[in-house]
Amino acid sequence: MTAAYSILQIISVLVFTLLFGLSAMLLSPFNPSGRLVHWFARWWARTLLWVGRVPVRLEGLDNIPGEQPCVLVSNHASAADIPILFGSLPIQFRIIAKDSLFHIPVLGWCMRLAGYISINRTNPKKAMRSLKKAARQIRDGFPAVVFPEGTRTRTGELQPFKAGAFLLAIESGVPVVPVGISGSFDILVRGSMKIRPDARVAVRIGRPIATEGYTTKDRRGLAEQAREAVEECLRQEGR
C-alpha cells in the first residue's frame, strides 16, 4: 500500500466520522431512544470497512436470542473491532466502554446520544452505578456489547476476562453470548492508524451461556467459562 493511499484512507475516516456523526447529532432529538444514532453508527462502520477494503464474514447470528436481551462478550484485538461489530451485527445493541471514549469530540457525543454506557474504572462507586444503569437498559430490551479483557491486547493473544461484565449479566438475569473476532489484529495494530487492507476477518457468535441460578459469587467462574467459549470461536478460524 502506498503512503498516499494510507493518507487518503485516514482522511476518509475523519470525513465520514464527521459526516455521520454530525448528522446523527442533528437528528437525535427526534429519536430519544438512541435507535437512530445507532443506525448512523452502523452505516458509519460499514463505510469505514468499505474504505479500508475489509470484508467481514459473520457466522452464528442465530445464536443471539431473539426473544430476550443478552450480554455479548467479545475479544478486543484492535481499534478496528468497533466498526467491525457495528458493521456486521444487524441488531440494535448498546456498547459498554471506558469513560475516556465518551470525551472524544463527535464520536463520544454520539455514544452518549445513543445511550451507550460509560464505565469509570478509576472510581468503583461510579463504575457500579454505571453497571446498574446498564442492567436496567438490558432489561428494557437492548443487548449490551462488552469487551471483558478491559483493554486491547498488545500481542493478539486473548487476555484474562474481568468480572464486571459477568456481574452485569447475573444482575440482569440474561444470557452471556460469546463473540470471537479473528483477523482484526492484522488490520490496525495498536498505536497505528495505518490500515492493512484485504485481511481475513470473521465474527463468530457462539452459543449463549445461561445465567439462571447464578449469584454474584459465581461471576469469576462465569467469566472463565465465557473466555473459553470466546477462545473456541477464535479457534474455528483454523478449521
Protein backbone atom coordinates (compact mmCIF):
# COMPACT_ATOMS: atom_id res chain seq x y z
CA MET A 1 0.00 0.00 0.00
CA THR A 2 1.41 3.43 -0.94
CA ALA A 3 1.83 6.25 1.56
CA ALA A 4 -0.57 8.39 -0.50
CA TYR A 5 -3.27 5.73 -0.27
CA SER A 6 -2.77 5.42 3.51
CA ILE A 7 -3.16 9.19 3.91
CA LEU A 8 -6.30 9.09 1.74
CA GLN A 9 -7.75 6.38 3.99
CA ILE A 10 -7.08 8.40 7.14
CA ILE A 11 -8.67 11.50 5.62
CA SER A 12 -11.69 9.42 4.53
CA VAL A 13 -12.12 8.04 8.05
CA LEU A 14 -12.12 11.57 9.51
CA VAL A 15 -14.52 12.92 6.88
CA PHE A 16 -17.02 10.08 7.20
CA THR A 17 -16.84 10.22 11.01
CA LEU A 18 -17.75 13.91 10.90
CA LEU A 19 -20.44 13.38 8.25
CA PHE A 20 -22.25 10.54 10.00
CA GLY A 21 -21.58 11.89 13.49
CA LEU A 22 -22.91 15.40 12.89
CA SER A 23 -25.95 14.02 11.04
CA ALA A 24 -26.72 11.72 13.96
CA MET A 25 -26.37 14.57 16.46
CA LEU A 26 -28.67 16.87 14.48
CA LEU A 27 -31.39 14.23 14.16
CA SER A 28 -31.06 12.68 17.64
CA PRO A 29 -33.75 14.95 19.25
CA PHE A 30 -36.32 13.26 17.00
CA ASN A 31 -35.40 9.80 18.29
CA PRO A 32 -34.55 9.92 22.03
CA SER A 33 -34.38 6.11 22.27
CA GLY A 34 -30.99 6.20 20.53
CA ARG A 35 -32.07 3.83 17.75
CA LEU A 36 -31.46 6.41 15.02
CA VAL A 37 -27.99 7.29 16.31
CA HIS A 38 -27.13 3.59 16.38
CA TRP A 39 -28.37 3.28 12.78
CA PHE A 40 -25.97 6.05 11.76
CA ALA A 41 -23.19 4.28 13.68
CA ARG A 42 -23.87 1.08 11.74
CA TRP A 43 -23.58 2.82 8.37
CA TRP A 44 -20.54 4.79 9.53
CA ALA A 45 -18.87 1.47 10.36
CA ARG A 46 -19.85 -0.17 7.07
CA THR A 47 -18.47 2.82 5.17
CA LEU A 48 -15.14 2.65 7.03
CA LEU A 49 -14.86 -1.07 6.31
CA TRP A 50 -15.54 -0.38 2.64
CA VAL A 51 -12.92 2.39 2.56
CA GLY A 52 -10.41 0.09 4.26
CA ARG A 53 -11.25 -2.80 1.92
CA VAL A 54 -12.03 -5.02 4.91
CA PRO A 55 -14.68 -7.67 4.16
CA VAL A 56 -16.20 -9.29 7.26
CA ARG A 57 -17.69 -12.78 7.43
CA LEU A 58 -20.42 -13.24 10.07
CA GLU A 59 -21.27 -16.66 11.49
CA GLY A 60 -23.69 -17.80 14.17
CA LEU A 61 -26.09 -14.85 14.16
CA ASP A 62 -28.91 -17.21 15.14
CA ASN A 63 -27.12 -17.77 18.49
CA ILE A 64 -28.22 -14.31 19.63
CA PRO A 65 -31.51 -14.85 21.49
CA GLY A 66 -34.27 -13.11 19.62
CA GLU A 67 -36.80 -13.32 22.43
CA GLN A 68 -34.74 -11.78 25.23
CA PRO A 69 -31.85 -9.36 25.74
CA CYS A 70 -28.33 -10.60 26.42
CA VAL A 71 -24.75 -9.54 27.10
CA LEU A 72 -22.42 -10.09 24.15
CA VAL A 73 -18.80 -10.52 25.28
CA SER A 74 -16.09 -10.15 22.66
CA ASN A 75 -12.32 -10.29 22.45
CA HIS A 76 -10.60 -6.97 21.69
CA ALA A 77 -7.52 -7.15 19.48
CA SER A 78 -7.72 -3.85 17.62
CA ALA A 79 -9.45 -0.47 17.37
CA ALA A 80 -10.97 -1.93 14.20
CA ASP A 81 -13.15 -4.19 16.39
CA ILE A 82 -15.60 -1.32 16.95
CA PRO A 83 -16.51 -0.74 13.26
CA ILE A 84 -16.32 -4.50 12.65
CA LEU A 85 -19.03 -5.20 15.23
CA PHE A 86 -21.15 -2.20 14.30
CA GLY A 87 -20.93 -3.01 10.62
CA SER A 88 -21.58 -6.74 10.88
CA LEU A 89 -24.21 -7.11 13.63
CA PRO A 90 -27.63 -6.27 12.13
CA ILE A 91 -29.24 -5.63 15.52
CA GLN A 92 -29.74 -2.77 17.92
CA PHE A 93 -27.28 -3.01 20.81
CA ARG A 94 -25.58 -0.74 23.33
CA ILE A 95 -21.84 -0.60 23.89
CA ILE A 96 -20.38 -0.51 27.42
CA ALA A 97 -17.00 1.21 27.22
CA LYS A 98 -14.42 3.11 29.26
CA ASP A 99 -15.30 6.67 30.19
CA SER A 100 -12.44 8.28 28.24
CA LEU A 101 -14.01 7.32 24.89
CA PHE A 102 -17.05 9.45 25.70
CA HIS A 103 -14.88 12.59 25.83
CA ILE A 104 -13.74 12.27 22.19
CA PRO A 105 -15.39 15.03 20.12
CA VAL A 106 -18.23 13.86 17.84
CA LEU A 107 -17.60 10.13 18.49
CA GLY A 108 -18.08 10.41 22.26
CA TRP A 109 -21.03 12.76 21.93
CA CYS A 110 -22.79 10.31 19.60
CA MET A 111 -22.09 7.46 22.02
CA ARG A 112 -23.91 9.35 24.77
CA LEU A 113 -26.83 10.23 22.48
CA ALA A 114 -27.20 6.57 21.52
CA GLY A 115 -27.47 5.57 25.18
CA TYR A 116 -24.16 3.72 25.37
CA ILE A 117 -22.83 3.22 28.89
CA SER A 118 -19.57 4.71 30.17
CA ILE A 119 -17.60 2.97 32.91
CA ASN A 120 -15.28 4.98 35.15
CA ARG A 121 -12.62 2.43 36.03
CA THR A 122 -10.85 4.73 38.48
CA ASN A 123 -13.91 5.12 40.71
CA PRO A 124 -15.50 1.83 41.91
CA LYS A 125 -18.70 3.55 43.13
CA LYS A 126 -19.28 5.29 39.80
CA ALA A 127 -18.46 2.07 37.97
CA MET A 128 -21.07 0.19 39.98
CA ARG A 129 -23.70 2.88 39.27
CA SER A 130 -22.90 2.58 35.56
CA LEU A 131 -23.32 -1.20 35.68
CA LYS A 132 -26.70 -0.84 37.40
CA LYS A 133 -27.77 1.63 34.69
CA ALA A 134 -26.62 -0.84 32.06
CA ALA A 135 -28.60 -3.62 33.76
CA ARG A 136 -31.76 -1.51 33.54
CA GLN A 137 -31.20 -0.88 29.83
CA ILE A 138 -30.63 -4.56 29.17
CA ARG A 139 -33.83 -5.48 30.98
CA ASP A 140 -35.60 -2.88 28.81
CA GLY A 141 -34.64 -4.92 25.76
CA PHE A 142 -31.30 -3.75 24.40
CA PRO A 143 -28.45 -6.28 24.19
CA ALA A 144 -25.15 -4.95 25.53
CA VAL A 145 -21.72 -5.42 23.97
CA VAL A 146 -18.74 -5.61 26.33
CA PHE A 147 -15.01 -6.20 25.86
CA PRO A 148 -14.26 -8.04 29.11
CA GLU A 149 -10.48 -8.01 28.58
CA GLY A 150 -10.69 -4.36 29.62
CA THR A 151 -8.21 -3.11 27.02
CA ARG A 152 -6.86 -4.10 23.63
CA THR A 153 -4.31 -6.88 23.54
CA ARG A 154 -0.74 -5.95 22.64
CA THR A 155 0.15 -9.39 21.30
CA GLY A 156 -3.01 -10.60 19.59
CA GLU A 157 -3.49 -13.24 22.29
CA LEU A 158 -6.70 -13.45 24.30
CA GLN A 159 -6.25 -11.86 27.74
CA PRO A 160 -7.94 -12.76 31.06
CA PHE A 161 -11.54 -11.57 31.41
CA LYS A 162 -12.53 -9.08 34.09
CA ALA A 163 -15.59 -9.98 36.16
CA GLY A 164 -17.61 -6.75 35.79
CA ALA A 165 -19.40 -7.73 32.58
CA PHE A 166 -20.49 -11.01 34.13
CA LEU A 167 -21.77 -9.34 37.26
CA LEU A 168 -23.89 -7.28 34.86
CA ALA A 169 -25.29 -10.40 33.18
CA ILE A 170 -26.06 -12.05 36.52
CA GLU A 171 -27.74 -8.90 37.88
CA SER A 172 -29.81 -8.60 34.69
CA GLY A 173 -30.67 -12.30 34.61
CA VAL A 174 -29.79 -12.56 30.91
CA PRO A 175 -27.56 -14.99 28.99
CA VAL A 176 -23.95 -14.29 28.04
CA VAL A 177 -23.22 -14.69 24.32
CA PRO A 178 -19.55 -15.22 23.33
CA VAL A 179 -18.22 -13.41 20.26
CA GLY A 180 -14.85 -14.08 18.63
CA ILE A 181 -13.35 -11.56 16.19
CA SER A 182 -10.46 -13.08 14.24
CA GLY A 183 -8.18 -11.19 11.87
CA SER A 184 -8.66 -7.68 13.28
CA PHE A 185 -5.23 -7.58 14.92
CA ASP A 186 -3.69 -7.68 11.44
CA ILE A 187 -5.76 -4.73 10.19
CA LEU A 188 -4.91 -1.98 12.63
CA VAL A 189 -2.08 -2.57 15.08
CA ARG A 190 -2.32 -0.77 18.40
CA GLY A 191 -0.71 2.68 18.23
CA SER A 192 -1.03 2.95 14.45
CA MET A 193 -3.64 4.45 12.11
CA LYS A 194 -2.35 2.58 9.07
CA ILE A 195 -4.99 0.17 7.76
CA ARG A 196 -3.85 -3.08 6.20
CA PRO A 197 -6.45 -3.98 3.57
CA ASP A 198 -7.80 -7.32 2.43
CA ALA A 199 -7.32 -9.06 5.78
CA ARG A 200 -9.38 -12.16 6.57
CA VAL A 201 -11.84 -11.03 9.22
CA ALA A 202 -14.54 -13.19 10.75
CA VAL A 203 -17.04 -12.56 13.53
CA ARG A 204 -18.23 -15.80 15.11
CA ILE A 205 -21.05 -15.87 17.63
CA GLY A 206 -21.12 -18.83 19.99
CA ARG A 207 -23.96 -20.45 21.85
CA PRO A 208 -25.47 -18.46 24.73
CA ILE A 209 -24.47 -19.28 28.31
CA ALA A 210 -27.48 -19.20 30.62
CA THR A 211 -27.10 -17.36 33.95
CA GLU A 212 -30.19 -18.66 35.75
CA GLY A 213 -29.30 -19.67 39.28
CA TYR A 214 -26.03 -17.72 39.25
CA THR A 215 -25.20 -15.33 42.09
CA THR A 216 -22.63 -12.57 42.29
CA LYS A 217 -20.21 -15.09 43.81
CA ASP A 218 -20.28 -17.02 40.53
CA ARG A 219 -19.10 -14.09 38.37
CA ARG A 220 -15.47 -15.20 38.12
CA GLY A 221 -16.42 -18.74 37.18
CA LEU A 222 -18.81 -17.34 34.56
CA ALA A 223 -16.01 -15.11 33.26
CA GLU A 224 -13.73 -18.11 32.79
CA GLN A 225 -16.50 -20.11 31.12
CA ALA A 226 -17.16 -17.24 28.70
CA ARG A 227 -13.46 -16.81 27.98
CA GLU A 228 -13.22 -20.47 26.98
CA ALA A 229 -16.25 -20.02 24.71
CA VAL A 230 -14.71 -16.95 23.03
CA GLU A 231 -11.44 -18.85 22.62
CA GLU A 232 -13.36 -21.67 20.92
CA CYS A 233 -14.91 -19.14 18.49
CA LEU A 234 -11.41 -17.91 17.64
CA ARG A 235 -10.02 -21.42 17.18
CA GLN A 236 -12.61 -22.14 14.50
CA GLU A 237 -10.65 -19.95 12.05
CA GLY A 238 -8.11 -22.68 11.59
CA ARG A 239 -10.63 -25.44 10.93
